[in-house]
Amino acid sequence: MKTTKVTADAVIIQSGKILLIKRAIPPFKGKWALPGGHIGYNEKTENAVVREVKEETGLAVKIIKLVGVYSDPKRDPRGHTVTAAYLCEPAAANRKSRAGDDASEAWWWPLDDLPDLAFDHSAIIKDAQSAIRVYRFNTYVPF
């Protein structure tokens, strides 16, 4: 019997740039993606996204809000994978990142000049940008 897998992805945007990782493993090896990954047994999605960002980029983050849940059965060629995508911000002023785990690179990309992205990450980023506008409007806190 096939089962659905669950992942968590982070959208980390600051000063008009977004932190992406270059995938070192299939699927989409060599393509850019949001940092994130599979949730461990008995792990909350919130804990998984913080862990995955640290493993893949070396960056400690804190969660701002849930961007959305993405469940299209065709979003991952390995099989049905549901992801919870979170808007996050660096936990410290230092935005230095380094590649680790299954990422060959980690880089801050200008939002107006994004590379070709893996999975459905372009749609997630678009939704996150809308969430940022709402967040700023409702809280009066600049990113």
N, C-alpha and C. Protein backbone atom coordinates (compact mmCIF):
# COMPACT_ATOMS: atom_id res chain seq x y z
N MET A 1 0.84 -1.18 0.00
CA MET A 1 0.00 0.00 0.00
C MET A 1 0.88 1.25 0.00
N LYS A 2 0.55 2.20 -0.85
CA LYS A 2 1.30 3.45 -0.90
C LYS A 2 0.77 4.39 0.18
N THR A 3 1.67 5.20 0.71
CA THR A 3 1.27 6.17 1.73
C THR A 3 1.67 7.57 1.28
N THR A 4 1.00 8.54 1.85
CA THR A 4 1.31 9.94 1.59
C THR A 4 2.42 10.37 2.53
N LYS A 5 3.39 11.09 1.99
CA LYS A 5 4.49 11.62 2.81
C LYS A 5 4.18 13.07 3.16
N VAL A 6 4.75 13.53 4.27
CA VAL A 6 4.53 14.91 4.72
C VAL A 6 5.88 15.61 4.85
N THR A 7 5.94 16.83 4.33
CA THR A 7 7.15 17.64 4.40
C THR A 7 6.82 19.02 4.95
N ALA A 8 7.85 19.78 5.23
CA ALA A 8 7.69 21.18 5.66
C ALA A 8 8.73 22.00 4.90
N ASP A 9 8.31 23.14 4.36
CA ASP A 9 9.19 24.02 3.59
C ASP A 9 9.19 25.41 4.20
N ALA A 10 10.32 26.11 4.07
CA ALA A 10 10.47 27.46 4.62
C ALA A 10 10.60 28.48 3.50
N VAL A 11 9.88 29.57 3.65
CA VAL A 11 10.02 30.73 2.78
C VAL A 11 10.65 31.81 3.64
N ILE A 12 11.92 32.12 3.36
CA ILE A 12 12.67 33.08 4.16
C ILE A 12 13.00 34.26 3.25
N ILE A 13 12.30 35.38 3.46
CA ILE A 13 12.45 36.56 2.62
C ILE A 13 12.91 37.72 3.49
N GLN A 14 13.96 38.40 3.03
CA GLN A 14 14.46 39.60 3.71
C GLN A 14 15.07 40.54 2.70
N SER A 15 14.76 41.81 2.83
CA SER A 15 15.35 42.85 1.99
C SER A 15 15.25 42.54 0.50
N GLY A 16 14.10 42.04 0.08
CA GLY A 16 13.87 41.76 -1.33
C GLY A 16 14.55 40.51 -1.85
N LYS A 17 15.09 39.68 -0.96
CA LYS A 17 15.76 38.44 -1.38
C LYS A 17 15.16 37.26 -0.64
N ILE A 18 15.27 36.08 -1.27
CA ILE A 18 14.76 34.85 -0.70
C ILE A 18 15.89 33.82 -0.64
N LEU A 19 15.92 33.07 0.44
CA LEU A 19 16.95 32.04 0.60
C LEU A 19 16.48 30.75 -0.06
N LEU A 20 17.27 30.28 -1.04
CA LEU A 20 16.98 29.04 -1.74
C LEU A 20 18.18 28.10 -1.62
N ILE A 21 17.91 26.82 -1.79
CA ILE A 21 18.98 25.83 -1.81
C ILE A 21 19.00 25.15 -3.18
N LYS A 22 20.19 24.76 -3.61
CA LYS A 22 20.31 23.96 -4.84
C LYS A 22 20.30 22.50 -4.41
N ARG A 23 19.38 21.73 -4.98
CA ARG A 23 19.23 20.33 -4.59
C ARG A 23 20.42 19.50 -5.06
N ALA A 24 20.97 18.73 -4.12
CA ALA A 24 22.11 17.87 -4.42
C ALA A 24 21.69 16.44 -4.75
N ILE A 25 20.39 16.16 -4.58
CA ILE A 25 19.89 14.80 -4.81
C ILE A 25 18.63 14.85 -5.67
N PRO A 26 18.30 13.74 -6.35
CA PRO A 26 17.03 13.68 -7.07
C PRO A 26 15.86 13.64 -6.10
N PRO A 27 14.68 14.01 -6.47
CA PRO A 27 14.37 14.55 -7.80
C PRO A 27 14.79 16.02 -7.90
N PHE A 28 14.86 16.50 -9.08
CA PHE A 28 15.22 17.88 -9.37
C PHE A 28 16.65 18.21 -8.95
N LYS A 29 17.54 17.24 -9.00
CA LYS A 29 18.94 17.49 -8.66
C LYS A 29 19.47 18.64 -9.52
N GLY A 30 20.13 19.61 -8.87
CA GLY A 30 20.68 20.77 -9.57
C GLY A 30 19.72 21.93 -9.69
N LYS A 31 18.46 21.73 -9.35
CA LYS A 31 17.48 22.82 -9.39
C LYS A 31 17.42 23.51 -8.03
N TRP A 32 16.96 24.75 -8.04
CA TRP A 32 16.81 25.52 -6.82
C TRP A 32 15.45 25.24 -6.19
N ALA A 33 15.41 25.29 -4.86
CA ALA A 33 14.18 24.98 -4.13
C ALA A 33 14.18 25.71 -2.79
N LEU A 34 13.03 25.73 -2.17
CA LEU A 34 12.93 26.23 -0.81
C LEU A 34 13.61 25.23 0.13
N PRO A 35 14.23 25.71 1.20
CA PRO A 35 14.76 24.75 2.16
C PRO A 35 13.60 24.03 2.85
N GLY A 36 13.77 22.76 3.09
CA GLY A 36 12.72 21.98 3.74
C GLY A 36 12.97 20.51 3.55
N GLY A 37 12.06 19.71 4.08
CA GLY A 37 12.22 18.28 3.92
C GLY A 37 11.19 17.49 4.69
N HIS A 38 11.43 16.20 4.74
CA HIS A 38 10.48 15.27 5.35
C HIS A 38 10.41 15.41 6.87
N ILE A 39 9.22 15.18 7.36
CA ILE A 39 8.95 15.26 8.79
C ILE A 39 9.22 13.89 9.40
N GLY A 40 9.91 13.90 10.52
CA GLY A 40 10.19 12.65 11.21
C GLY A 40 8.97 12.16 11.98
N TYR A 41 9.00 10.88 12.32
CA TYR A 41 7.92 10.29 13.11
C TYR A 41 7.82 11.02 14.45
N ASN A 42 6.61 11.40 14.84
CA ASN A 42 6.35 12.12 16.09
C ASN A 42 6.92 13.54 16.09
N GLU A 43 7.21 14.11 14.92
CA GLU A 43 7.74 15.47 14.83
C GLU A 43 6.65 16.41 14.32
N LYS A 44 6.54 17.57 14.93
CA LYS A 44 5.60 18.59 14.45
C LYS A 44 6.17 19.25 13.20
N THR A 45 5.29 19.68 12.31
CA THR A 45 5.76 20.35 11.09
C THR A 45 6.57 21.60 11.44
N GLU A 46 6.17 22.31 12.48
CA GLU A 46 6.89 23.52 12.88
C GLU A 46 8.33 23.20 13.30
N ASN A 47 8.50 22.11 14.04
CA ASN A 47 9.85 21.72 14.45
C ASN A 47 10.66 21.22 13.25
N ALA A 48 10.00 20.52 12.35
CA ALA A 48 10.68 19.98 11.17
C ALA A 48 11.21 21.09 10.28
N VAL A 49 10.43 22.15 10.06
CA VAL A 49 10.89 23.20 9.17
C VAL A 49 12.10 23.93 9.76
N VAL A 50 12.09 24.18 11.06
CA VAL A 50 13.23 24.82 11.71
C VAL A 50 14.47 23.92 11.61
N ARG A 51 14.30 22.63 11.86
CA ARG A 51 15.40 21.66 11.77
C ARG A 51 15.95 21.59 10.35
N GLU A 52 15.06 21.46 9.37
CA GLU A 52 15.49 21.32 7.98
C GLU A 52 16.25 22.56 7.49
N VAL A 53 15.78 23.75 7.85
CA VAL A 53 16.48 24.97 7.44
C VAL A 53 17.89 24.97 8.03
N LYS A 54 18.00 24.62 9.29
CA LYS A 54 19.32 24.58 9.95
C LYS A 54 20.24 23.56 9.27
N GLU A 55 19.71 22.37 8.97
CA GLU A 55 20.51 21.32 8.33
C GLU A 55 20.96 21.73 6.93
N GLU A 56 20.07 22.36 6.17
CA GLU A 56 20.37 22.66 4.76
C GLU A 56 21.09 23.97 4.53
N THR A 57 20.93 24.94 5.46
CA THR A 57 21.50 26.27 5.24
C THR A 57 22.39 26.76 6.38
N GLY A 58 22.33 26.11 7.54
CA GLY A 58 23.07 26.58 8.70
C GLY A 58 22.41 27.74 9.42
N LEU A 59 21.25 28.16 8.94
CA LEU A 59 20.56 29.34 9.48
C LEU A 59 19.50 28.93 10.50
N ALA A 60 19.51 29.59 11.64
CA ALA A 60 18.44 29.41 12.62
C ALA A 60 17.31 30.36 12.26
N VAL A 61 16.08 29.85 12.26
CA VAL A 61 14.93 30.68 11.89
C VAL A 61 13.83 30.58 12.94
N LYS A 62 12.95 31.57 12.89
CA LYS A 62 11.73 31.49 13.67
C LYS A 62 10.56 31.64 12.70
N ILE A 63 9.49 30.96 13.02
CA ILE A 63 8.31 30.93 12.16
C ILE A 63 7.48 32.18 12.39
N ILE A 64 7.05 32.80 11.31
CA ILE A 64 6.15 33.95 11.37
C ILE A 64 4.71 33.46 11.25
N LYS A 65 4.44 32.67 10.20
CA LYS A 65 3.08 32.17 9.99
C LYS A 65 3.08 31.07 8.94
N LEU A 66 2.01 30.31 8.94
CA LEU A 66 1.79 29.29 7.92
C LEU A 66 1.39 29.98 6.62
N VAL A 67 2.08 29.66 5.55
CA VAL A 67 1.72 30.19 4.23
C VAL A 67 0.57 29.37 3.66
N GLY A 68 0.68 28.04 3.77
CA GLY A 68 -0.36 27.18 3.25
C GLY A 68 0.05 25.73 3.26
N VAL A 69 -0.90 24.88 2.91
CA VAL A 69 -0.67 23.45 2.79
C VAL A 69 -0.87 23.10 1.32
N TYR A 70 0.10 22.39 0.75
CA TYR A 70 0.10 22.09 -0.68
C TYR A 70 0.04 20.58 -0.85
N SER A 71 -1.01 20.11 -1.52
CA SER A 71 -1.28 18.68 -1.52
C SER A 71 -1.56 18.07 -2.89
N ASP A 72 -1.24 18.76 -3.95
CA ASP A 72 -1.46 18.19 -5.28
C ASP A 72 -0.68 16.88 -5.39
N PRO A 73 -1.35 15.77 -5.68
CA PRO A 73 -0.65 14.48 -5.76
C PRO A 73 0.49 14.46 -6.78
N LYS A 74 0.51 15.41 -7.71
CA LYS A 74 1.55 15.43 -8.75
C LYS A 74 2.69 16.41 -8.45
N ARG A 75 2.69 16.99 -7.25
CA ARG A 75 3.71 18.01 -6.94
C ARG A 75 5.10 17.42 -6.75
N ASP A 76 5.19 16.11 -6.48
CA ASP A 76 6.49 15.46 -6.25
C ASP A 76 6.51 14.16 -7.07
N PRO A 77 7.49 14.00 -7.97
CA PRO A 77 7.52 12.80 -8.81
C PRO A 77 7.76 11.50 -8.03
N ARG A 78 8.19 11.57 -6.77
CA ARG A 78 8.42 10.37 -5.97
C ARG A 78 7.12 9.79 -5.44
N GLY A 79 6.04 10.56 -5.49
CA GLY A 79 4.76 10.09 -4.97
C GLY A 79 4.03 11.22 -4.25
N HIS A 80 2.85 10.92 -3.77
CA HIS A 80 2.02 11.93 -3.13
C HIS A 80 2.70 12.46 -1.87
N THR A 81 3.01 13.74 -1.90
CA THR A 81 3.68 14.41 -0.79
C THR A 81 2.95 15.70 -0.48
N VAL A 82 2.56 15.86 0.77
CA VAL A 82 1.87 17.06 1.23
C VAL A 82 2.89 17.89 1.99
N THR A 83 2.94 19.20 1.71
CA THR A 83 3.86 20.06 2.45
C THR A 83 3.13 21.18 3.15
N ALA A 84 3.62 21.51 4.33
CA ALA A 84 3.20 22.71 5.06
C ALA A 84 4.31 23.73 4.84
N ALA A 85 3.97 24.86 4.23
CA ALA A 85 4.97 25.89 3.94
C ALA A 85 4.82 27.03 4.94
N TYR A 86 5.93 27.42 5.53
CA TYR A 86 5.94 28.46 6.56
C TYR A 86 6.75 29.66 6.13
N LEU A 87 6.23 30.85 6.43
CA LEU A 87 6.99 32.08 6.29
C LEU A 87 7.86 32.18 7.53
N CYS A 88 9.16 32.30 7.32
CA CYS A 88 10.12 32.34 8.44
C CYS A 88 11.02 33.56 8.30
N GLU A 89 11.68 33.89 9.40
CA GLU A 89 12.70 34.92 9.35
C GLU A 89 13.91 34.44 10.14
N PRO A 90 15.11 34.93 9.77
CA PRO A 90 16.30 34.54 10.53
C PRO A 90 16.13 34.91 12.00
N ALA A 91 16.57 34.01 12.88
CA ALA A 91 16.44 34.25 14.32
C ALA A 91 17.45 35.27 14.82
N ALA A 92 18.47 35.56 14.02
CA ALA A 92 19.49 36.54 14.40
C ALA A 92 19.75 37.46 13.21
N ALA A 93 20.44 38.54 13.46
CA ALA A 93 20.73 39.51 12.40
C ALA A 93 21.65 38.93 11.33
N ASN A 94 22.44 37.92 11.68
CA ASN A 94 23.37 37.31 10.74
C ASN A 94 22.61 36.45 9.72
N ARG A 95 22.68 36.82 8.45
CA ARG A 95 22.00 36.07 7.40
C ARG A 95 22.96 35.18 6.63
N LYS A 96 24.15 34.93 7.15
CA LYS A 96 25.10 34.09 6.43
C LYS A 96 24.59 32.66 6.39
N SER A 97 24.62 32.09 5.21
CA SER A 97 24.15 30.72 5.04
C SER A 97 25.25 29.88 4.42
N ARG A 98 25.13 28.59 4.60
CA ARG A 98 26.06 27.64 4.00
C ARG A 98 25.26 26.40 3.63
N ALA A 99 25.67 25.74 2.57
CA ALA A 99 24.96 24.54 2.14
C ALA A 99 25.31 23.37 3.05
N GLY A 100 24.33 22.50 3.27
CA GLY A 100 24.54 21.31 4.07
C GLY A 100 23.48 20.28 3.77
N ASP A 101 23.60 19.11 4.36
CA ASP A 101 22.66 18.01 4.21
C ASP A 101 22.49 17.68 2.73
N ASP A 102 21.28 17.80 2.17
CA ASP A 102 21.07 17.44 0.76
C ASP A 102 21.06 18.67 -0.16
N ALA A 103 21.69 19.76 0.29
CA ALA A 103 21.81 20.97 -0.52
C ALA A 103 23.26 21.15 -0.94
N SER A 104 23.49 21.44 -2.23
CA SER A 104 24.86 21.68 -2.69
C SER A 104 25.22 23.16 -2.60
N GLU A 105 24.22 24.03 -2.55
CA GLU A 105 24.43 25.48 -2.40
C GLU A 105 23.25 26.08 -1.64
N ALA A 106 23.50 27.19 -0.99
CA ALA A 106 22.44 28.00 -0.38
C ALA A 106 22.74 29.44 -0.77
N TRP A 107 21.72 30.14 -1.28
CA TRP A 107 21.97 31.47 -1.83
C TRP A 107 20.75 32.37 -1.65
N TRP A 108 21.01 33.64 -1.36
CA TRP A 108 19.94 34.65 -1.29
C TRP A 108 19.70 35.20 -2.69
N TRP A 109 18.54 34.89 -3.27
CA TRP A 109 18.19 35.31 -4.63
C TRP A 109 17.29 36.54 -4.59
N PRO A 110 17.51 37.51 -5.51
CA PRO A 110 16.56 38.62 -5.62
C PRO A 110 15.19 38.09 -6.03
N LEU A 111 14.15 38.56 -5.38
CA LEU A 111 12.80 38.08 -5.69
C LEU A 111 12.38 38.39 -7.12
N ASP A 112 12.97 39.41 -7.72
CA ASP A 112 12.59 39.76 -9.09
C ASP A 112 13.48 39.07 -10.13
N ASP A 113 14.32 38.13 -9.71
CA ASP A 113 15.21 37.43 -10.63
C ASP A 113 15.43 35.98 -10.15
N LEU A 114 14.35 35.24 -9.97
CA LEU A 114 14.44 33.88 -9.45
C LEU A 114 14.83 32.89 -10.53
N PRO A 115 15.57 31.85 -10.16
CA PRO A 115 15.90 30.79 -11.12
C PRO A 115 14.69 29.89 -11.31
N ASP A 116 14.84 28.93 -12.21
CA ASP A 116 13.82 27.90 -12.40
C ASP A 116 13.77 27.07 -11.11
N LEU A 117 12.58 26.87 -10.56
CA LEU A 117 12.44 26.22 -9.25
C LEU A 117 11.87 24.81 -9.35
N ALA A 118 12.23 23.99 -8.37
CA ALA A 118 11.75 22.61 -8.26
C ALA A 118 10.34 22.58 -7.68
N PHE A 119 9.69 21.43 -7.84
CA PHE A 119 8.37 21.17 -7.27
C PHE A 119 7.40 22.29 -7.65
N ASP A 120 6.56 22.70 -6.69
CA ASP A 120 5.61 23.81 -6.91
C ASP A 120 6.05 25.04 -6.13
N HIS A 121 7.36 25.19 -5.95
CA HIS A 121 7.87 26.24 -5.08
C HIS A 121 7.63 27.65 -5.60
N SER A 122 7.46 27.82 -6.91
CA SER A 122 7.10 29.15 -7.45
C SER A 122 5.74 29.59 -6.91
N ALA A 123 4.79 28.68 -6.89
CA ALA A 123 3.45 28.99 -6.37
C ALA A 123 3.50 29.29 -4.87
N ILE A 124 4.30 28.53 -4.15
CA ILE A 124 4.42 28.76 -2.70
C ILE A 124 5.01 30.15 -2.44
N ILE A 125 6.03 30.53 -3.20
CA ILE A 125 6.64 31.85 -3.03
C ILE A 125 5.64 32.95 -3.34
N LYS A 126 4.87 32.78 -4.39
CA LYS A 126 3.84 33.77 -4.73
C LYS A 126 2.84 33.92 -3.59
N ASP A 127 2.39 32.81 -3.02
CA ASP A 127 1.46 32.87 -1.89
C ASP A 127 2.12 33.53 -0.67
N ALA A 128 3.40 33.27 -0.46
CA ALA A 128 4.12 33.86 0.67
C ALA A 128 4.23 35.38 0.51
N GLN A 129 4.45 35.84 -0.71
CA GLN A 129 4.53 37.28 -0.93
C GLN A 129 3.20 37.95 -0.60
N SER A 130 2.10 37.31 -0.93
CA SER A 130 0.78 37.84 -0.55
C SER A 130 0.62 37.85 0.96
N ALA A 131 1.09 36.78 1.62
CA ALA A 131 1.00 36.70 3.08
C ALA A 131 1.84 37.79 3.75
N ILE A 132 2.98 38.13 3.15
CA ILE A 132 3.83 39.18 3.71
C ILE A 132 3.11 40.52 3.67
N ARG A 133 2.45 40.81 2.55
CA ARG A 133 1.73 42.08 2.44
C ARG A 133 0.64 42.16 3.51
N VAL A 134 -0.08 41.08 3.73
CA VAL A 134 -1.13 41.05 4.76
C VAL A 134 -0.50 41.18 6.15
N TYR A 135 0.59 40.47 6.39
CA TYR A 135 1.27 40.51 7.68
C TYR A 135 1.73 41.92 8.01
N ARG A 136 2.35 42.57 7.05
CA ARG A 136 2.82 43.95 7.28
C ARG A 136 1.65 44.89 7.55
N PHE A 137 0.59 44.76 6.79
CA PHE A 137 -0.57 45.62 6.95
C PHE A 137 -1.21 45.46 8.33
N ASN A 138 -1.31 44.22 8.79
CA ASN A 138 -2.00 43.95 10.05
C ASN A 138 -1.15 44.16 11.29
N THR A 139 0.17 44.15 11.17
CA THR A 139 1.02 44.25 12.36
C THR A 139 1.88 45.50 12.42
N TYR A 140 2.02 46.18 11.30
CA TYR A 140 2.85 47.39 11.24
C TYR A 140 4.32 47.10 11.58
N VAL A 141 4.75 45.86 11.35
CA VAL A 141 6.14 45.48 11.60
C VAL A 141 6.83 45.27 10.26
N PRO A 142 7.86 46.07 9.96
CA PRO A 142 8.54 45.88 8.67
C PRO A 142 9.42 44.65 8.69
N PHE A 143 9.54 44.01 7.54
CA PHE A 143 10.47 42.89 7.38
C PHE A 143 11.84 43.45 7.07
